[in-house]
Protein backbone atom coordinates (compact mmCIF):
# COMPACT_ATOMS: atom_id res chain seq x y z
CA MET A 1 90.01 77.41 89.71
CA PHE A 2 87.64 74.58 90.65
CA VAL A 3 84.28 74.06 88.95
CA ILE A 4 81.63 72.40 91.13
CA VAL A 5 78.70 70.77 89.31
CA ASP A 6 75.71 69.46 91.24
CA ASP A 7 71.93 69.71 91.05
CA ARG A 8 71.81 70.67 94.73
CA GLU A 9 72.71 74.27 95.49
CA ILE A 10 73.54 73.43 99.09
CA VAL A 11 76.32 71.11 97.85
CA THR A 12 77.88 73.56 95.40
CA ALA A 13 77.68 76.42 97.90
CA GLY A 14 79.26 74.31 100.63
CA TYR A 15 82.25 73.32 98.53
CA ALA A 16 82.66 76.82 97.10
CA SER A 17 82.84 78.21 100.64
CA ALA A 18 85.40 75.56 101.65
CA PHE A 19 87.60 76.31 98.63
CA GLU A 20 87.43 80.02 99.42
CA ARG A 21 88.64 79.39 102.98
CA GLU A 22 91.66 77.56 101.56
CA GLY A 23 92.39 80.43 99.16
CA TYR A 24 91.16 78.78 95.94
CA ALA A 25 88.70 80.19 93.42
CA SER A 26 85.64 78.20 92.40
CA LEU A 27 82.59 78.36 90.17
CA GLU A 28 79.21 76.83 91.10
CA LEU A 29 77.12 75.32 88.29
CA HIS A 30 73.87 73.38 88.10
CA SER A 31 74.26 70.37 85.83
CA SER A 32 71.93 71.99 83.28
CA GLU A 33 74.34 74.95 83.02
CA LEU A 34 77.60 73.08 82.47
CA VAL A 35 77.44 72.38 78.73
CA ASP A 36 76.26 75.89 77.85
CA TRP A 37 78.98 77.40 80.01
CA LEU A 38 81.66 75.24 78.38
CA ASN A 39 80.51 76.41 74.95
CA ILE A 40 80.49 80.13 75.71
CA ALA A 41 83.36 80.47 78.19
CA PRO A 42 86.45 82.22 76.75
CA GLU A 43 89.64 80.24 76.38
CA SER A 44 91.35 82.21 79.16
CA ASP A 45 88.68 81.07 81.63
CA LEU A 46 88.89 77.43 80.57
CA GLN A 47 92.69 77.42 80.90
CA SER A 48 92.39 78.50 84.53
CA ILE A 49 90.41 75.38 85.52
CA GLU A 50 92.35 72.93 87.66
CA ALA A 51 89.57 70.42 88.29
CA VAL A 52 85.87 69.83 87.69
CA LEU A 53 83.94 68.18 90.52
CA LEU A 54 80.93 66.22 89.27
CA GLY A 55 78.25 65.63 91.88
CA ALA A 56 74.67 64.43 91.52
CA SER A 57 73.30 64.65 87.98
CA GLU A 58 71.37 62.38 85.63
CA ASP A 59 73.62 63.38 82.71
CA ARG A 60 76.91 63.00 84.56
CA LEU A 61 78.27 60.18 82.38
CA SER A 62 78.11 62.42 79.30
CA PHE A 63 80.00 65.31 80.90
CA PRO A 64 83.64 64.08 80.87
CA ALA A 65 83.84 63.95 77.05
CA GLN A 66 82.43 67.46 76.76
CA ILE A 67 84.78 68.77 79.45
CA ARG A 68 87.81 67.19 77.74
CA SER A 69 86.88 68.78 74.42
CA ARG A 70 87.09 72.27 75.93
CA CYS A 71 89.65 72.02 78.75
CA SER A 72 91.80 68.96 78.29
CA GLU A 73 94.18 69.80 81.15
CA ALA A 74 91.52 69.87 83.87
CA GLN A 75 91.19 66.92 86.22
CA ILE A 76 87.69 65.41 86.47
CA ILE A 77 86.63 64.13 89.88
CA ALA A 78 83.31 62.42 90.58
CA LEU A 79 81.80 62.89 94.04
CA GLU A 80 79.65 59.97 95.19
CA ASP A 81 77.15 59.90 98.06
CA ASN A 82 76.89 56.10 98.08
CA PRO A 83 79.51 54.62 95.77
CA ASN A 84 79.32 51.07 94.53
CA LEU A 85 81.55 49.05 92.24
CA GLU A 86 79.27 49.18 89.19
CA ARG A 87 78.87 52.98 89.31
CA THR A 88 82.57 53.53 89.96
CA LEU A 89 83.53 51.39 86.96
CA GLU A 90 81.06 53.32 84.78
CA LEU A 91 82.67 56.60 85.81
CA PHE A 92 86.18 55.39 85.07
CA ALA A 93 84.95 54.02 81.72
CA VAL A 94 83.96 57.55 80.63
CA GLU A 95 87.46 58.79 81.65
CA VAL A 96 86.80 60.34 85.04
CA ASP A 97 90.19 60.73 86.76
CA ASP A 98 89.12 60.01 90.32
CA VAL A 99 86.05 58.96 92.32
CA LEU A 100 85.67 60.21 95.90
CA ARG A 101 83.09 59.32 98.49
CA LYS A 102 81.33 62.21 100.19
CA PRO A 103 81.79 63.80 102.56
CA VAL A 104 85.37 64.55 101.52
CA HIS A 105 87.41 67.43 102.88
CA VAL A 106 88.55 70.09 100.43
CA LYS A 107 92.13 69.61 101.65
CA GLU A 108 92.02 65.99 100.44
CA ILE A 109 90.72 67.16 97.05
CA LEU A 110 93.55 69.70 96.84
CA ALA A 111 96.11 67.04 97.76
CA ARG A 112 94.79 64.66 95.09
CA VAL A 113 94.74 67.37 92.43
CA GLY A 114 98.26 68.37 93.48
CA ALA A 115 99.47 64.78 93.14
CA PHE A 116 97.78 64.54 89.73
CA ARG A 117 99.48 67.75 88.61
CA ARG A 118 102.88 66.59 89.85
CA ARG A 119 102.61 63.36 87.88
CA ARG A 120 101.71 65.25 84.73
CA THR A 121 104.32 67.96 85.17
CA THR A 122 107.01 65.42 86.04
CA GLU A 123 106.31 63.70 82.73
CA SER A 124 106.83 67.01 80.91
CA LYS A 125 109.76 67.99 83.20
CA SER A 126 108.03 71.21 84.21
CA VAL A 127 107.31 70.63 87.89
CA ASP A 128 109.79 73.37 88.73
CA ALA A 129 111.51 76.32 87.15
CA GLY A 130 115.19 75.98 87.94
CA PRO A 131 115.68 77.17 91.52
CA ILE A 132 111.91 77.70 91.97
CA GLN A 133 109.87 74.64 92.94
CA VAL A 134 106.12 74.64 93.61
CA PHE A 135 103.98 71.78 94.90
CA PHE A 136 100.32 72.57 94.04
CA ASP A 137 99.12 71.01 97.30
CA GLY A 138 99.09 73.97 99.66
CA ARG A 139 102.76 73.87 100.66
CA ASP A 140 104.90 76.96 100.33
CA PRO A 141 107.36 76.93 97.38
CA GLU A 142 111.07 76.33 97.66
CA VAL A 143 113.53 78.77 96.12
CA GLY A 144 117.13 77.62 95.92
CA GLY A 145 116.25 74.66 98.12
CA ASP A 146 114.87 76.81 100.96
CA VAL A 147 111.19 77.24 101.81
CA MET A 148 109.84 80.69 100.97
CA GLU A 149 106.71 81.46 102.97
CA LEU A 150 104.10 83.31 100.93
CA PRO A 151 100.56 84.56 101.51
CA ARG A 152 98.14 82.20 99.80
CA ARG A 153 97.31 84.55 96.92
CA GLU A 154 100.96 85.12 96.05
CA ARG A 155 101.60 81.39 96.32
CA ARG A 156 98.75 80.65 93.92
CA ILE A 157 100.04 83.23 91.43
CA LEU A 158 103.53 81.73 91.54
CA GLU A 159 102.07 78.24 91.00
CA TYR A 160 100.13 79.52 88.00
CA LEU A 161 103.20 81.20 86.50
CA VAL A 162 105.34 78.08 86.97
CA ARG A 163 102.64 75.94 85.40
CA ASN A 164 102.66 78.28 82.41
CA LYS A 165 106.45 78.74 82.41
CA GLY A 166 107.71 80.33 79.19
CA ARG A 167 104.16 81.32 78.15
CA ARG A 168 102.69 84.78 78.61
CA VAL A 169 99.49 84.96 80.65
CA THR A 170 97.19 87.94 81.05
CA LYS A 171 96.13 89.68 84.23
CA THR A 172 92.62 88.35 83.60
CA GLN A 173 93.83 84.76 83.38
CA ILE A 174 95.72 85.10 86.65
CA PHE A 175 92.74 86.76 88.31
CA ASN A 176 90.39 83.99 87.19
CA ALA A 177 92.75 81.30 88.43
CA VAL A 178 93.23 82.89 91.85
CA TYR A 179 89.95 84.68 92.57
CA GLY A 180 87.43 83.08 90.24
CA MET A 181 85.42 84.61 87.43
CA MET A 182 82.33 85.28 89.54
CA ASN A 183 84.09 87.22 92.29
CA GLU A 184 82.69 90.66 91.52
CA GLY A 185 83.74 92.08 94.87
CA VAL A 186 87.43 92.18 93.91
CA ASP A 187 88.99 94.26 91.14
CA GLU A 188 91.45 92.67 88.70
CA CYS A 189 93.99 95.36 89.59
CA VAL A 190 94.69 93.48 92.83
CA VAL A 191 96.76 91.07 90.70
CA GLU A 192 99.29 93.83 90.02
CA SER A 193 99.77 94.42 93.74
CA HIS A 194 100.26 90.71 94.47
CA ILE A 195 102.75 90.28 91.63
CA SER A 196 104.70 93.37 92.69
CA LYS A 197 105.15 91.93 96.19
CA LEU A 198 105.98 88.48 94.80
CA ARG A 199 108.62 89.90 92.44
CA LYS A 200 110.37 91.74 95.27
CA LYS A 201 110.57 88.57 97.35
CA LEU A 202 111.88 86.51 94.44
CA ARG A 203 114.39 89.21 93.53
CA MET A 204 115.78 89.13 97.06
CA ARG A 205 116.25 85.35 96.85
CA LEU A 206 117.46 85.06 93.26
CA GLY A 207 119.32 88.32 92.68
CA GLU A 208 117.19 89.16 89.67
CA ASP A 209 113.55 89.39 88.66
CA PRO A 210 112.32 86.11 87.10
CA ILE A 211 108.95 87.55 86.07
CA GLU A 212 108.73 89.46 82.81
CA SER A 213 105.84 91.87 82.39
CA THR A 214 104.62 93.70 79.30
CA ARG A 215 102.00 96.42 79.64
CA TYR A 216 98.60 95.41 78.21
CA ILE A 217 99.95 91.96 77.29
CA GLY A 218 100.67 90.10 80.49
CA TYR A 219 103.24 88.27 82.59
CA MET A 220 105.63 85.41 81.97
CA LEU A 221 108.09 83.46 84.08
CA LYS A 222 111.31 83.98 82.15
CA THR A 223 112.94 80.93 80.63
CA SER A 224 116.18 82.14 82.21
CA ALA A 225 114.58 81.25 85.55
CA THR A 226 115.17 77.61 84.65
CA GLY A 227 118.92 78.05 84.96
CA ASP A 228 121.04 78.70 88.00
CA MET A 229 120.66 82.25 89.25
CA GLU A 230 123.47 83.84 91.18
CA GLN A 231 123.53 87.02 93.19
CA PRO A 232 125.22 89.89 91.30
CA ALA A 233 128.09 89.91 93.80
CA SER A 234 128.70 86.22 93.11
CA LYS A 235 128.81 86.89 89.38
CA ALA A 236 131.68 89.32 89.74
CA LYS A 237 133.74 86.72 91.58
CA THR A 238 133.33 84.09 88.88
CA LEU A 239 134.05 86.28 85.86
CA ASP A 240 137.53 86.81 84.50
CA ALA A 241 139.11 90.26 84.80
CA GLU A 242 137.95 91.55 81.42
CA ALA A 243 134.38 90.25 81.82
CA ALA A 244 134.23 91.62 85.35
CA SER A 245 135.23 95.04 84.03
CA ASP A 246 132.48 94.93 81.42
CA TRP A 247 129.98 93.81 84.03
CA LEU A 248 130.90 96.73 86.29
CA LYS A 249 130.45 99.21 83.43
CA THR A 250 127.15 97.91 82.10
CA THR A 251 125.06 96.81 85.09
CA ALA A 252 123.26 99.09 87.53
CA VAL A 253 124.91 97.39 90.51
CA GLY A 254 128.32 97.62 88.84
CA LYS A 255 127.94 101.31 88.02
CA LYS A 256 127.01 102.03 91.63
CA ALA A 257 130.10 100.13 92.80
CA VAL A 258 132.31 102.15 90.45
CA GLU A 259 130.84 105.41 91.76
CA LEU A 260 131.47 104.37 95.36
CA VAL A 261 135.09 103.45 94.61
CA ALA A 262 135.64 106.72 92.72
């Protein structure tokens, strides 16, 4: 999710509409609302923030420290109408991550945030999950080295799960990241439909379901997804005779094969 902060409603509304067209959730805030929102927003909402865009505001230089204290992973981007060297240096001095001159296309913002994420995830070796690789810049993911085309909502959910690999996330967290907290026209249950479709597509590619779900608790990209995943038929070929026999007796696919042979 992207948070847009500006004293001019026409600016926040314009960027929110542009993010929506690209399939990204956003939240519009007047500068006077930002600090209060940061203090009352639940942790699940703050974790879904990818970047905060800081537009025109008299208090803008004080915002980065307050944003970092509540959502340290979010990128902070300052949007400038008429940038100059002195103002740019002031913004970097208060730990803004990037300064962009307006007008700037949302696709450029997404590309910059994607590059920022890749640098950070590369440092922590979590840019991908084994055979699953996501890019955070609008490109479709690659599974087993091949591009897997996905609708934008499913792609965003997969990106979110990979980013939180090995950690369970709730339906609400996923909904906030993909649709935005203020989108009252969509029910959270839509997440279940998207994930169901995504799981089927991944299962077809990987031979098993890499997404673990627990009712009332949430979803998690399994840590086993970081290893090489083979199709069940390939597994049987690589096992020795005794292991292959056990596999045939204990797996659903194996049992079906035994029944067919019998």
